[in-house]
Amino acid sequence: MSVTSSRNHSALLTDPQVRAWVFQVVAVLAVVALGWYLFHNTQSNLAQRGILSGFGFLEQSAGFGIPQHLIDYTESDSYSRVFLIGLLNTLLVSVIGIVLATLLGFVIGVARLSPNWLVNKLATVYIEIFRNIPPLLQIFFWYFAVLLPLPGPKQSLSIGDTFFLSNRGLNMPAPAMAEGFWPFLITLGLALLAVLLMARWARRRFEASGQAFPALLTGLGMLVLLPAFAVLIFGSPFHWTVPELKGFNFRGGLVLIPELIALTLALTVYTAAFIAENVRSGIQAVSHGQTEAARSLGLKPGVTLRKVIIPQALRVIIPPLTSQYLNLVKNSSLAAGIGYPDMVSLFAGTVLNQTGQAIEVIAITMSVYLSISISISLLMNWYNKRIALVER
């Protein structure tokens, strides 16, 4: 019996699966023990220095103003309100930057492969210049060299007496809900649904018969005509408040502060250079035989690019494109260099200096950027799986 039990014991020790489980359990216990030691040591050091810990400071009054806030805010609001404003400002820059950088990057990437010598060289020069200049320097360039030297509000650059560009930012009309807003919104939603169904039908028709349907023009027509009918029947969906110069600044309307404009332009131009290279490499990864086959079927170059090349190139473009989106979100923290009220400048800057809650503030800020990055990764991975080719 003893010999048999010893053999079973040695067999368990030599089993690769058992050893793998043992090593994983030991590693997890070591990580937990290390985390507990660091936490206990930090709490002891804070107690010895008389520093309070916890998240109760979030309910205290902030006592400072914020130049841009997407929701109502006063100086008497709490730090939790400041956190929400910083989060929304960060998301605003990230979303606008991702959309603009994607559009500009795709255009530059396709232009990089253009047979036209001038277009090709201009795209190459753009990529080589802007991707090799640090993003912080580009932010400084747009802010200090382009926007701040603009004239003041009284000598602002006017576009149709509606848009006014000055060193205070870009003032534009602000929309307000009117009686026809909800019918317009419902009609717009139905138009979007109809466009999606039409696009799916057009794609299946093209895959089955090879006959192209003008989905782009049809979709644009539906998006314009259907809401236009709603406006004619129910009235305008918005009232517009035009900015007016009163004293030394504009009153009314909507204003884009120069910090937001400079940060958005810098991140867009910088990230688009990398996206353009991703697009170029993705297109070049598609076999040239696909282009020859499309030409033999009589497809035009534009149709070949949209229907044949780009769908296959996306398999190569999407993974590095995800990394560029993540880099853009993280680079938005450089807004602190010009005072744009984002998460780092507001919460990890002003709030941290006023409260002294370093551990809590930094932990919350890191968690926010981690959550945004993970959300983008999950969304892009889902899209990458959705467009993956199915082996037959």
Protein backbone atom coordinates (compact mmCIF):
# COMPACT_ATOMS: atom_id res chain seq x y z
CA MET A 1 0.00 0.00 0.00
CA SER A 2 2.79 2.40 0.93
CA VAL A 3 4.62 1.70 -2.32
CA THR A 4 1.44 2.30 -4.33
CA SER A 5 0.64 5.57 -2.52
CA SER A 6 4.20 6.85 -2.99
CA ARG A 7 3.99 6.06 -6.69
CA ASN A 8 0.66 7.94 -6.98
CA HIS A 9 2.16 10.88 -5.10
CA SER A 10 5.20 11.03 -7.40
CA ALA A 11 2.93 10.69 -10.44
CA LEU A 12 0.94 13.71 -9.29
CA LEU A 13 4.13 15.75 -8.87
CA THR A 14 5.34 14.82 -12.33
CA ASP A 15 1.95 15.52 -13.98
CA PRO A 16 2.31 18.75 -16.05
CA GLN A 17 -1.32 19.78 -15.45
CA VAL A 18 -1.01 19.37 -11.68
CA ARG A 19 2.25 21.34 -11.62
CA ALA A 20 0.67 24.10 -13.70
CA TRP A 21 -2.26 24.40 -11.28
CA VAL A 22 0.06 24.41 -8.27
CA PHE A 23 2.25 27.15 -9.77
CA GLN A 24 -0.81 29.26 -10.61
CA VAL A 25 -2.24 28.93 -7.09
CA VAL A 26 1.12 29.83 -5.57
CA ALA A 27 1.45 32.85 -7.89
CA VAL A 28 -2.05 34.09 -7.02
CA LEU A 29 -1.39 33.72 -3.29
CA ALA A 30 1.91 35.58 -3.64
CA VAL A 31 0.24 38.46 -5.51
CA VAL A 32 -2.56 38.66 -2.92
CA ALA A 33 -0.04 38.63 -0.05
CA LEU A 34 2.05 41.35 -1.69
CA GLY A 35 -1.03 43.48 -2.30
CA TRP A 36 -2.19 43.09 1.29
CA TYR A 37 1.28 44.01 2.59
CA LEU A 38 1.42 47.16 0.45
CA PHE A 39 -2.11 48.17 1.47
CA HIS A 40 -1.46 47.59 5.18
CA ASN A 41 1.88 49.41 5.01
CA THR A 42 0.29 52.38 3.23
CA GLN A 43 -2.52 52.61 5.77
CA SER A 44 -0.01 52.51 8.64
CA ASN A 45 2.13 55.28 7.11
CA LEU A 46 -0.92 57.47 6.48
CA ALA A 47 -2.11 56.97 10.06
CA GLN A 48 1.31 57.89 11.47
CA ARG A 49 1.35 61.14 9.45
CA GLY A 50 -2.24 62.01 10.33
CA ILE A 51 -3.49 61.85 6.73
CA LEU A 52 -7.12 60.79 6.42
CA SER A 53 -7.98 58.20 3.77
CA GLY A 54 -11.26 57.45 2.07
CA PHE A 55 -13.56 58.98 -0.51
CA GLY A 56 -15.51 61.34 1.72
CA PHE A 57 -13.72 64.32 0.14
CA LEU A 58 -15.81 63.83 -3.01
CA GLU A 59 -18.78 65.44 -1.23
CA GLN A 60 -16.84 68.56 -0.21
CA SER A 61 -17.34 71.86 -2.04
CA ALA A 62 -14.81 72.49 -4.83
CA GLY A 63 -14.68 76.28 -4.63
CA PHE A 64 -13.12 76.97 -8.05
CA GLY A 65 -14.43 77.71 -11.52
CA ILE A 66 -14.11 75.62 -14.68
CA PRO A 67 -13.92 77.34 -18.09
CA GLN A 68 -15.67 74.53 -19.98
CA HIS A 69 -18.34 72.21 -18.61
CA LEU A 70 -20.86 70.17 -20.58
CA ILE A 71 -23.22 70.06 -17.58
CA ASP A 72 -24.30 72.78 -15.15
CA TYR A 73 -21.63 73.70 -12.63
CA THR A 74 -21.06 76.31 -9.93
CA GLU A 75 -18.13 76.86 -7.60
CA SER A 76 -20.16 75.52 -4.68
CA ASP A 77 -20.59 72.09 -6.32
CA SER A 78 -18.77 69.06 -4.94
CA TYR A 79 -15.59 67.38 -6.09
CA SER A 80 -17.68 64.53 -7.47
CA ARG A 81 -19.24 67.04 -9.87
CA VAL A 82 -15.74 68.18 -10.84
CA PHE A 83 -14.81 64.55 -11.52
CA LEU A 84 -17.85 64.12 -13.79
CA ILE A 85 -17.01 67.31 -15.71
CA GLY A 86 -13.39 66.21 -16.20
CA LEU A 87 -14.57 62.80 -17.40
CA LEU A 88 -17.00 64.33 -19.92
CA ASN A 89 -14.35 66.74 -21.22
CA THR A 90 -11.91 63.85 -21.67
CA LEU A 91 -14.53 61.79 -23.50
CA LEU A 92 -15.39 64.81 -25.68
CA VAL A 93 -11.81 65.25 -26.87
CA SER A 94 -11.33 61.49 -27.30
CA VAL A 95 -14.48 60.94 -29.38
CA ILE A 96 -13.94 63.98 -31.61
CA GLY A 97 -10.26 63.11 -32.05
CA ILE A 98 -10.96 59.47 -32.91
CA VAL A 99 -13.57 60.39 -35.54
CA LEU A 100 -11.50 63.13 -37.18
CA ALA A 101 -8.22 61.18 -37.03
CA THR A 102 -9.89 58.14 -38.61
CA LEU A 103 -11.32 60.16 -41.49
CA LEU A 104 -8.11 62.10 -42.10
CA GLY A 105 -5.93 59.01 -41.68
CA PHE A 106 -7.90 57.00 -44.24
CA VAL A 107 -7.72 59.84 -46.76
CA ILE A 108 -3.97 60.31 -46.28
CA GLY A 109 -3.37 56.54 -46.35
CA VAL A 110 -5.17 56.13 -49.67
CA ALA A 111 -3.42 59.23 -51.03
CA ARG A 112 -0.10 57.66 -50.01
CA LEU A 113 -0.74 54.96 -52.65
CA SER A 114 -2.01 57.34 -55.33
CA PRO A 115 -0.37 57.02 -58.77
CA ASN A 116 -0.38 60.83 -58.92
CA TRP A 117 3.17 61.92 -58.04
CA LEU A 118 2.17 65.19 -56.32
CA VAL A 119 -0.58 63.64 -54.20
CA ASN A 120 1.70 60.76 -53.21
CA LYS A 121 4.55 63.05 -52.15
CA LEU A 122 2.29 65.43 -50.23
CA ALA A 123 0.87 62.51 -48.25
CA THR A 124 4.38 61.20 -47.59
CA VAL A 125 5.60 64.60 -46.38
CA TYR A 126 2.58 64.93 -44.08
CA ILE A 127 3.19 61.52 -42.51
CA GLU A 128 6.93 61.96 -42.04
CA ILE A 129 6.55 65.42 -40.48
CA PHE A 130 3.67 64.99 -38.06
CA ARG A 131 4.38 61.50 -36.79
CA ASN A 132 7.96 62.46 -35.83
CA ILE A 133 7.05 65.57 -33.81
CA PRO A 134 6.07 64.86 -30.18
CA PRO A 135 2.36 65.45 -29.57
CA LEU A 136 3.00 67.90 -26.71
CA LEU A 137 5.01 70.16 -29.04
CA GLN A 138 2.20 70.01 -31.59
CA ILE A 139 -0.29 71.01 -28.88
CA PHE A 140 1.94 73.94 -27.96
CA PHE A 141 2.22 74.94 -31.63
CA TRP A 142 -1.52 75.06 -32.24
CA TYR A 143 -2.17 76.82 -28.94
CA PHE A 144 0.65 79.36 -28.61
CA ALA A 145 1.56 79.92 -32.28
CA VAL A 146 -1.83 79.70 -34.01
CA LEU A 147 -4.74 80.41 -31.65
CA LEU A 148 -3.44 82.81 -29.01
CA PRO A 149 -2.02 85.32 -31.58
CA LEU A 150 -5.52 85.71 -33.08
CA PRO A 151 -7.19 89.10 -32.55
CA GLY A 152 -9.48 89.74 -29.59
CA PRO A 153 -13.27 89.49 -29.67
CA LYS A 154 -13.74 93.05 -30.99
CA GLN A 155 -11.51 92.31 -34.02
CA SER A 156 -12.54 88.66 -34.34
CA LEU A 157 -12.65 86.89 -37.68
CA SER A 158 -16.31 86.74 -38.69
CA ILE A 159 -17.90 84.17 -40.97
CA GLY A 160 -21.28 85.41 -42.12
CA ASP A 161 -21.84 87.27 -38.83
CA THR A 162 -22.60 83.85 -37.34
CA PHE A 163 -19.25 82.28 -36.49
CA PHE A 164 -16.57 84.36 -34.74
CA LEU A 165 -12.97 83.20 -34.29
CA SER A 166 -10.76 85.02 -31.78
CA ASN A 167 -8.18 84.30 -29.11
CA ARG A 168 -11.13 83.49 -26.81
CA GLY A 169 -12.13 80.58 -29.02
CA LEU A 170 -14.74 79.89 -31.68
CA ASN A 171 -18.19 81.35 -30.98
CA MET A 172 -21.07 79.80 -32.88
CA PRO A 173 -24.88 79.57 -32.70
CA ALA A 174 -26.24 77.33 -29.95
CA PRO A 175 -29.31 75.13 -30.57
CA ALA A 176 -32.30 74.99 -28.23
CA MET A 177 -35.18 72.53 -28.43
CA ALA A 178 -38.28 73.68 -30.34
CA GLU A 179 -41.73 72.15 -30.88
CA GLY A 180 -40.62 70.06 -33.83
CA PHE A 181 -37.65 68.48 -32.02
CA TRP A 182 -39.18 65.12 -31.07
CA PRO A 183 -40.87 64.44 -34.44
CA PHE A 184 -37.57 65.36 -36.11
CA LEU A 185 -35.62 63.03 -33.80
CA ILE A 186 -38.04 60.12 -34.34
CA THR A 187 -37.96 60.62 -38.11
CA LEU A 188 -34.16 60.77 -38.07
CA GLY A 189 -34.03 57.50 -36.11
CA LEU A 190 -36.36 55.81 -38.58
CA ALA A 191 -34.25 57.14 -41.46
CA LEU A 192 -31.08 55.71 -39.90
CA LEU A 193 -32.79 52.34 -39.45
CA ALA A 194 -33.96 52.40 -43.08
CA VAL A 195 -30.44 53.25 -44.27
CA LEU A 196 -28.94 50.34 -42.30
CA LEU A 197 -31.49 47.89 -43.73
CA MET A 198 -30.94 49.26 -47.24
CA ALA A 199 -27.15 48.98 -46.89
CA ARG A 200 -27.43 45.36 -45.73
CA TRP A 201 -29.73 44.54 -48.65
CA ALA A 202 -27.38 46.27 -51.12
CA ARG A 203 -24.38 44.31 -49.78
CA ARG A 204 -26.18 40.98 -50.08
CA ARG A 205 -27.34 41.89 -53.58
CA PHE A 206 -23.78 42.76 -54.60
CA GLU A 207 -22.38 39.53 -53.13
CA ALA A 208 -25.05 37.43 -54.87
CA SER A 209 -25.16 39.05 -58.32
CA GLY A 210 -22.17 41.41 -58.49
CA GLN A 211 -24.49 44.30 -59.38
CA ALA A 212 -23.73 47.47 -57.44
CA PHE A 213 -26.51 49.57 -55.95
CA PRO A 214 -26.01 53.33 -55.27
CA ALA A 215 -26.30 52.80 -51.53
CA LEU A 216 -24.33 55.93 -50.60
CA LEU A 217 -26.44 58.36 -52.61
CA THR A 218 -29.66 56.60 -51.63
CA GLY A 219 -28.72 56.65 -47.97
CA LEU A 220 -27.81 60.34 -48.06
CA GLY A 221 -31.10 61.09 -49.81
CA MET A 222 -33.08 59.23 -47.14
CA LEU A 223 -31.21 60.95 -44.32
CA VAL A 224 -31.92 64.36 -45.84
CA LEU A 225 -35.42 64.01 -47.29
CA LEU A 226 -37.21 62.15 -44.48
CA PRO A 227 -36.18 64.59 -41.70
CA ALA A 228 -36.89 67.46 -44.12
CA PHE A 229 -40.51 66.29 -44.45
CA ALA A 230 -40.77 66.22 -40.66
CA VAL A 231 -39.51 69.81 -40.51
CA LEU A 232 -42.04 70.92 -43.14
CA ILE A 233 -44.91 69.27 -41.25
CA PHE A 234 -44.03 69.91 -37.58
CA GLY A 235 -41.77 72.94 -37.84
CA SER A 236 -38.11 73.57 -37.03
CA PRO A 237 -36.60 71.28 -34.39
CA PHE A 238 -34.28 73.98 -33.00
CA HIS A 239 -34.16 77.62 -32.05
CA TRP A 240 -30.73 79.12 -32.63
CA THR A 241 -29.08 81.59 -30.28
CA VAL A 242 -26.53 83.68 -32.19
CA PRO A 243 -23.55 85.06 -30.19
CA GLU A 244 -23.46 88.85 -29.79
CA LEU A 245 -20.51 91.06 -28.88
CA LYS A 246 -21.24 92.82 -25.59
CA GLY A 247 -18.40 94.68 -23.95
CA PHE A 248 -15.12 92.83 -24.27
CA ASN A 249 -16.52 89.37 -25.08
CA PHE A 250 -19.36 87.54 -26.79
CA ARG A 251 -22.57 86.64 -25.00
CA GLY A 252 -24.92 83.84 -25.97
CA GLY A 253 -24.36 80.99 -28.38
CA LEU A 254 -21.84 78.19 -28.02
CA VAL A 255 -18.09 78.66 -27.57
CA LEU A 256 -15.24 76.25 -28.23
CA ILE A 257 -12.39 77.41 -26.02
CA PRO A 258 -8.93 77.63 -27.65
CA GLU A 259 -7.58 74.85 -25.40
CA LEU A 260 -10.16 72.42 -26.80
CA ILE A 261 -9.46 73.45 -30.40
CA ALA A 262 -5.67 73.21 -30.01
CA LEU A 263 -5.83 69.84 -28.27
CA THR A 264 -8.26 68.38 -30.82
CA LEU A 265 -6.25 69.61 -33.81
CA ALA A 266 -2.94 68.35 -32.41
CA LEU A 267 -4.22 64.89 -31.47
CA THR A 268 -6.08 64.55 -34.79
CA VAL A 269 -3.12 65.54 -36.95
CA TYR A 270 -0.64 63.46 -34.92
CA THR A 271 -2.73 60.27 -34.74
CA ALA A 272 -3.88 60.52 -38.36
CA ALA A 273 -0.27 60.16 -39.52
CA PHE A 274 0.00 56.75 -37.84
CA ILE A 275 -3.47 55.67 -39.00
CA ALA A 276 -2.48 56.59 -42.56
CA GLU A 277 0.47 54.19 -42.38
CA ASN A 278 -1.82 51.47 -41.00
CA VAL A 279 -4.22 52.03 -43.88
CA ARG A 280 -1.39 51.95 -46.44
CA SER A 281 0.03 48.70 -45.07
CA GLY A 282 -3.44 47.15 -44.92
CA ILE A 283 -4.19 47.98 -48.55
CA GLN A 284 -0.80 46.70 -49.69
CA ALA A 285 -1.43 43.43 -47.80
CA VAL A 286 -4.30 42.62 -50.17
CA SER A 287 -3.18 40.50 -53.09
CA HIS A 288 -2.82 42.39 -56.36
CA GLY A 289 -4.78 39.60 -57.98
CA GLN A 290 -7.91 40.91 -56.27
CA THR A 291 -7.53 44.21 -58.11
CA GLU A 292 -6.92 42.43 -61.43
CA ALA A 293 -9.99 40.26 -60.91
CA ALA A 294 -12.14 43.32 -60.16
CA ARG A 295 -10.88 45.04 -63.29
CA SER A 296 -11.63 41.97 -65.40
CA LEU A 297 -15.22 42.13 -64.10
CA GLY A 298 -15.49 45.73 -65.26
CA LEU A 299 -15.54 47.38 -61.83
CA LYS A 300 -14.42 50.99 -61.65
CA PRO A 301 -11.38 51.88 -59.49
CA GLY A 302 -13.53 53.58 -56.85
CA VAL A 303 -15.90 50.63 -56.61
CA THR A 304 -12.95 48.24 -56.48
CA LEU A 305 -11.44 50.16 -53.57
CA ARG A 306 -14.69 50.31 -51.57
CA LYS A 307 -16.08 46.86 -52.35
CA VAL A 308 -13.00 44.67 -52.78
CA ILE A 309 -9.82 46.19 -51.33
CA ILE A 310 -10.97 48.00 -48.17
CA PRO A 311 -13.12 45.12 -46.77
CA GLN A 312 -10.13 42.76 -46.99
CA ALA A 313 -7.64 45.37 -45.80
CA LEU A 314 -9.66 46.01 -42.62
CA ARG A 315 -8.49 42.66 -41.25
CA VAL A 316 -4.96 44.08 -41.21
CA ILE A 317 -5.93 47.67 -40.34
CA ILE A 318 -8.15 47.10 -37.29
CA PRO A 319 -5.60 45.67 -34.76
CA PRO A 320 -3.05 48.53 -35.08
CA LEU A 321 -5.92 50.99 -35.43
CA THR A 322 -7.08 49.95 -31.95
CA SER A 323 -3.65 50.82 -30.58
CA GLN A 324 -3.82 54.27 -32.17
CA TYR A 325 -7.21 54.92 -30.59
CA LEU A 326 -5.81 53.95 -27.20
CA ASN A 327 -2.79 56.20 -27.73
CA LEU A 328 -5.06 59.12 -28.62
CA VAL A 329 -7.09 58.69 -25.43
CA LYS A 330 -3.94 58.51 -23.30
CA ASN A 331 -2.33 61.44 -25.11
CA SER A 332 -5.38 63.54 -24.23
CA SER A 333 -3.90 63.76 -20.73
CA LEU A 334 -1.31 66.15 -22.22
CA ALA A 335 -4.11 68.74 -22.06
CA ALA A 336 -2.74 69.72 -18.66
CA GLY A 337 0.10 71.46 -20.51
CA ILE A 338 -2.25 74.15 -21.84
CA GLY A 339 -4.84 74.11 -19.07
CA TYR A 340 -7.68 72.27 -20.77
CA PRO A 341 -10.00 70.99 -17.98
CA ASP A 342 -9.75 67.23 -18.55
CA MET A 343 -9.41 64.43 -15.99
CA VAL A 344 -5.70 64.97 -15.36
CA SER A 345 -5.83 68.76 -15.20
CA LEU A 346 -8.99 69.02 -13.09
CA PHE A 347 -9.12 65.93 -10.93
CA ALA A 348 -5.52 64.74 -10.72
CA GLY A 349 -4.31 68.34 -10.65
CA THR A 350 -6.51 70.91 -8.92
CA VAL A 351 -8.52 68.49 -6.77
CA LEU A 352 -5.38 66.65 -5.67
CA ASN A 353 -3.65 69.89 -4.68
CA GLN A 354 -6.64 71.10 -2.68
CA THR A 355 -7.50 67.86 -0.86
CA GLY A 356 -4.16 66.07 -0.57
CA GLN A 357 -5.93 62.73 -1.17
CA ALA A 358 -3.19 61.53 -3.51
CA ILE A 359 -3.87 57.80 -3.38
CA GLU A 360 -7.62 58.07 -3.91
CA VAL A 361 -7.42 60.72 -6.64
CA ILE A 362 -4.71 58.93 -8.62
CA ALA A 363 -6.50 55.57 -8.22
CA ILE A 364 -9.75 57.04 -9.56
CA THR A 365 -7.97 58.73 -12.47
CA MET A 366 -6.10 55.56 -13.41
CA SER A 367 -9.33 53.55 -13.19
CA VAL A 368 -11.07 55.96 -15.57
CA TYR A 369 -8.38 55.72 -18.25
CA LEU A 370 -8.20 51.95 -17.77
CA SER A 371 -11.98 51.62 -18.20
CA ILE A 372 -11.99 53.78 -21.35
CA SER A 373 -9.11 51.81 -22.86
CA ILE A 374 -10.69 48.44 -22.09
CA SER A 375 -14.01 49.59 -23.55
CA ILE A 376 -12.34 50.68 -26.78
CA SER A 377 -10.41 47.40 -27.00
CA LEU A 378 -13.55 45.30 -26.47
CA LEU A 379 -15.49 47.28 -29.08
CA MET A 380 -12.71 47.05 -31.67
CA ASN A 381 -12.16 43.34 -30.99
CA TRP A 382 -15.88 42.71 -31.47
CA TYR A 383 -15.79 44.60 -34.77
CA ASN A 384 -12.66 42.76 -35.86
CA LYS A 385 -14.34 39.39 -35.25
CA ARG A 386 -17.46 40.57 -37.05
CA ILE A 387 -15.60 41.44 -40.26
CA ALA A 388 -13.30 38.42 -40.17
CA LEU A 389 -13.43 36.19 -43.21
CA VAL A 390 -15.20 32.88 -42.68
CA GLU A 391 -13.20 29.91 -43.90
CA ARG A 392 -15.13 27.56 -46.17
